[in-house]
Structures are given as structure tokens and as C-alpha cells.
Amino acid sequence: MDEDPEILAALRDVRAADWMALPVWARNPAYRLACLQRPDDPELLREAAADLLSFGPDRDETAEELKPRATRLEQSP
């Protein structure tokens, strides 16, 4: 894959420094934008799903949809 989009790079930098530093109201749309930039990146989809699952049940359904989508992408030729 190419370099991370700036949004994803910023998310990963903040997470590495302090996992809870970025509030949920900012990280959810940031991951959404990153996934829109790379809709065929199964690693990113799983990362976004894991992050969504870490912050309460209101986005669990979305997170659970990302995981099989990532698997389908990996299995497609």
C-alpha cells in the first residue's frame, strides 16, 4: 500500500503517544474518512472496527460490518 493518508497517520501518531488522547467524537469521523480514502484496505477496516468497538455500543453494528468486509477483500482475487 501507499503511504498512510494524513488522517490515518495522525490517528496512529496520537494513539501511539496516548491511546485515550483523542476523544471519540473526533476519532470516529477520522477513521470514517480514512476508510473512505482506502475502502479496499482490509487492515485499515479491521483497525477502524477495533477502535469503534473500544468506545461503547453505539457503533458496534458498524464495527461488526467492517470485519467481514475486510475478510471478503482479502479473499477476493
Protein backbone atom coordinates (compact mmCIF):
# COMPACT_ATOMS: atom_id res chain seq x y z
CA MET A 1 0.00 0.00 0.00
CA ASP A 2 0.99 3.61 -0.45
CA GLU A 3 1.78 5.86 2.46
CA ASP A 4 -0.95 6.37 5.02
CA PRO A 5 -3.36 9.18 4.33
CA GLU A 6 -2.61 12.15 6.54
CA ILE A 7 -5.71 11.46 8.62
CA LEU A 8 -4.65 7.89 9.32
CA ALA A 9 -1.06 8.91 10.07
CA ALA A 10 -2.32 11.50 12.58
CA LEU A 11 -4.63 8.95 14.23
CA ARG A 12 -1.81 6.45 14.58
CA ASP A 13 0.59 9.09 15.95
CA VAL A 14 -1.90 10.21 18.59
CA ARG A 15 -2.74 6.63 19.52
CA ALA A 16 0.93 5.74 19.88
CA ALA A 17 1.56 8.69 22.18
CA ASP A 18 -1.58 8.32 24.33
CA TRP A 19 -4.33 5.92 23.29
CA MET A 20 -7.06 7.99 25.00
CA ALA A 21 -5.77 11.41 23.94
CA LEU A 22 -8.14 11.80 21.01
CA PRO A 23 -11.82 11.99 22.03
CA VAL A 24 -14.32 9.61 20.47
CA TRP A 25 -16.21 12.43 18.77
CA ALA A 26 -13.02 13.13 16.77
CA ARG A 27 -11.65 9.63 16.21
CA ASN A 28 -14.85 8.09 14.83
CA PRO A 29 -15.20 10.54 11.92
CA ALA A 30 -11.42 10.47 11.38
CA TYR A 31 -11.49 6.70 10.92
CA ARG A 32 -14.54 7.07 8.69
CA LEU A 33 -12.65 9.50 6.45
CA ALA A 34 -9.60 7.23 6.37
CA CYS A 35 -11.80 4.29 5.35
CA LEU A 36 -13.37 6.40 2.61
CA GLN A 37 -9.88 7.16 1.32
CA ARG A 38 -8.92 3.47 1.38
CA PRO A 39 -12.11 1.42 1.05
CA ASP A 40 -10.21 -1.66 -0.16
CA ASP A 41 -7.69 -1.83 2.70
CA PRO A 42 -8.62 -4.78 4.94
CA GLU A 43 -6.01 -3.89 7.57
CA LEU A 44 -7.46 -0.39 7.92
CA LEU A 45 -11.02 -1.72 8.09
CA ARG A 46 -10.06 -4.04 10.95
CA GLU A 47 -8.21 -1.24 12.73
CA ALA A 48 -11.26 1.00 12.44
CA ALA A 49 -13.54 -1.80 13.67
CA ALA A 50 -11.35 -2.43 16.70
CA ASP A 51 -11.31 1.26 17.54
CA LEU A 52 -15.10 1.53 17.23
CA LEU A 53 -15.59 -1.49 19.48
CA SER A 54 -13.37 0.10 22.13
CA PHE A 55 -15.72 3.01 22.78
CA GLY A 56 -19.14 1.75 23.56
CA PRO A 57 -22.05 0.04 21.94
CA ASP A 58 -23.37 2.90 19.81
CA ARG A 59 -21.06 1.98 16.88
CA ASP A 60 -20.81 -1.79 17.41
CA GLU A 61 -23.05 -2.57 14.45
CA THR A 62 -20.84 -0.54 12.12
CA ALA A 63 -17.72 -2.20 13.53
CA GLU A 64 -19.19 -5.66 13.05
CA GLU A 65 -19.91 -4.84 9.40
CA LEU A 66 -16.30 -3.83 8.77
CA LYS A 67 -14.76 -7.14 9.86
CA PRO A 68 -16.45 -9.43 7.27
CA ARG A 69 -15.91 -6.77 4.62
CA ALA A 70 -12.18 -6.91 5.36
CA THR A 71 -12.23 -10.71 5.10
CA ARG A 72 -14.05 -10.57 1.76
CA LEU A 73 -11.47 -8.12 0.43
CA GLU A 74 -8.63 -10.41 1.43
CA GLN A 75 -10.28 -13.41 -0.21
CA SER A 76 -11.15 -11.70 -3.48
CA PRO A 77 -8.73 -12.18 -6.40
